[in-house]
Amino acid sequence: MENFCEITFCQQIGSNKRHNQDALFNGEAVFQYKLKTAEKRLETRPHFIVGVADGISNSNRPEKANKLVMQLLSKMESLSRQTIYDNYNNIR
């Protein structure tokens, strides 16, 4: 029997917000929609990375920061303290 994981995700912009400050990475693509209806995906890879970045409304341009973080995460082949540190230093 093959191992699998079912991933379901959606997005909805907060009330009174012009931009969605949250971003997500579903293992294949980065999303940042005002309204994303629920979508299901079946993941069969033995190892994969997903991520959610929750916006901080009182920071400058949180929608850009969160999308950048998810884009960097989407390019990682593995996740460790060292890969996070290396990617952080590459954007500074």
Protein backbone atom coordinates (compact mmCIF):
# COMPACT_ATOMS: atom_id res chain seq x y z
CA MET A 1 0.00 0.00 0.00
CA GLU A 2 1.30 3.41 -0.97
CA ASN A 3 1.52 6.16 1.65
CA PHE A 4 -0.39 9.33 0.95
CA CYS A 5 -1.57 12.53 2.59
CA GLU A 6 -4.65 14.51 1.60
CA ILE A 7 -4.13 18.27 1.76
CA THR A 8 -7.10 20.65 1.77
CA PHE A 9 -6.57 24.40 1.69
CA CYS A 10 -8.46 27.65 1.15
CA GLN A 11 -7.98 31.38 1.75
CA GLN A 12 -10.20 34.30 2.64
CA ILE A 13 -9.13 37.91 3.06
CA GLY A 14 -9.80 39.51 6.44
CA SER A 15 -12.62 42.02 6.78
CA ASN A 16 -11.70 45.62 5.91
CA LYS A 17 -8.43 44.53 4.25
CA ARG A 18 -7.37 45.59 0.73
CA HIS A 19 -4.78 42.82 0.37
CA ASN A 20 -4.61 39.30 1.71
CA GLN A 21 -1.77 39.38 4.21
CA ASP A 22 -1.66 35.59 4.50
CA ALA A 23 0.19 33.33 2.08
CA LEU A 24 0.36 29.58 1.76
CA PHE A 25 2.43 26.96 0.00
CA ASN A 26 0.60 23.68 -0.69
CA GLY A 27 3.66 21.65 -1.68
CA GLU A 28 3.43 22.71 -5.33
CA ALA A 29 2.45 26.39 -5.59
CA VAL A 30 2.29 29.60 -3.55
CA PHE A 31 -1.17 31.13 -3.08
CA GLN A 32 -2.29 34.56 -1.91
CA TYR A 33 -5.90 35.09 -3.03
CA LYS A 34 -8.63 37.30 -1.66
CA LEU A 35 -10.92 34.29 -1.86
CA LYS A 36 -9.74 30.78 -2.66
CA THR A 37 -12.41 28.12 -2.40
CA ALA A 38 -11.41 24.87 -0.76
CA GLU A 39 -9.19 22.69 -2.90
CA LYS A 40 -8.03 19.16 -2.19
CA ARG A 41 -4.78 17.57 -3.29
CA LEU A 42 -3.42 14.06 -2.76
CA GLU A 43 0.28 13.97 -1.93
CA THR A 44 2.12 10.69 -2.53
CA ARG A 45 5.72 11.85 -2.20
CA PRO A 46 7.42 10.39 0.89
CA HIS A 47 8.67 13.86 1.94
CA PHE A 48 7.18 17.24 1.11
CA ILE A 49 6.98 20.74 2.56
CA VAL A 50 3.87 22.88 3.09
CA GLY A 51 3.65 26.28 4.75
CA VAL A 52 1.31 28.98 6.02
CA ALA A 53 2.38 32.56 6.72
CA ASP A 54 -0.10 34.53 8.81
CA GLY A 55 0.04 38.29 8.12
CA ILE A 56 0.81 40.82 10.83
CA SER A 57 -1.52 43.71 10.06
CA ASN A 58 0.48 46.46 11.76
CA SER A 59 3.70 45.77 9.83
CA ASN A 60 4.75 47.42 6.56
CA ARG A 61 3.54 45.46 3.52
CA PRO A 62 2.87 42.14 5.29
CA GLU A 63 1.41 40.66 2.09
CA LYS A 64 4.77 41.03 0.31
CA ALA A 65 6.79 39.63 3.22
CA ASN A 66 4.58 36.56 3.60
CA LYS A 67 4.54 35.81 -0.12
CA LEU A 68 8.35 36.07 -0.25
CA VAL A 69 8.72 33.65 2.66
CA MET A 70 6.42 31.11 0.99
CA GLN A 71 8.25 31.50 -2.34
CA LEU A 72 11.57 30.79 -0.60
CA LEU A 73 10.03 27.80 1.16
CA SER A 74 8.75 26.46 -2.16
CA LYS A 75 12.33 26.36 -3.51
CA MET A 76 13.75 24.36 -0.60
CA GLU A 77 14.50 20.71 -1.26
CA SER A 78 14.84 19.95 2.43
CA LEU A 79 13.97 21.77 5.61
CA SER A 80 16.42 22.13 8.46
CA ARG A 81 17.74 24.84 10.72
CA GLN A 82 20.68 25.28 8.33
CA THR A 83 18.56 25.63 5.16
CA ILE A 84 16.36 28.23 6.88
CA TYR A 85 19.44 30.15 8.05
CA ASP A 86 21.03 29.99 4.58
CA ASN A 87 17.88 31.24 2.84
CA TYR A 88 17.41 34.01 5.41
CA ASN A 89 20.96 35.23 4.80
CA ASN A 90 20.43 35.15 1.02
CA ILE A 91 17.58 37.70 1.23
CA ARG A 92 19.22 40.11 3.67
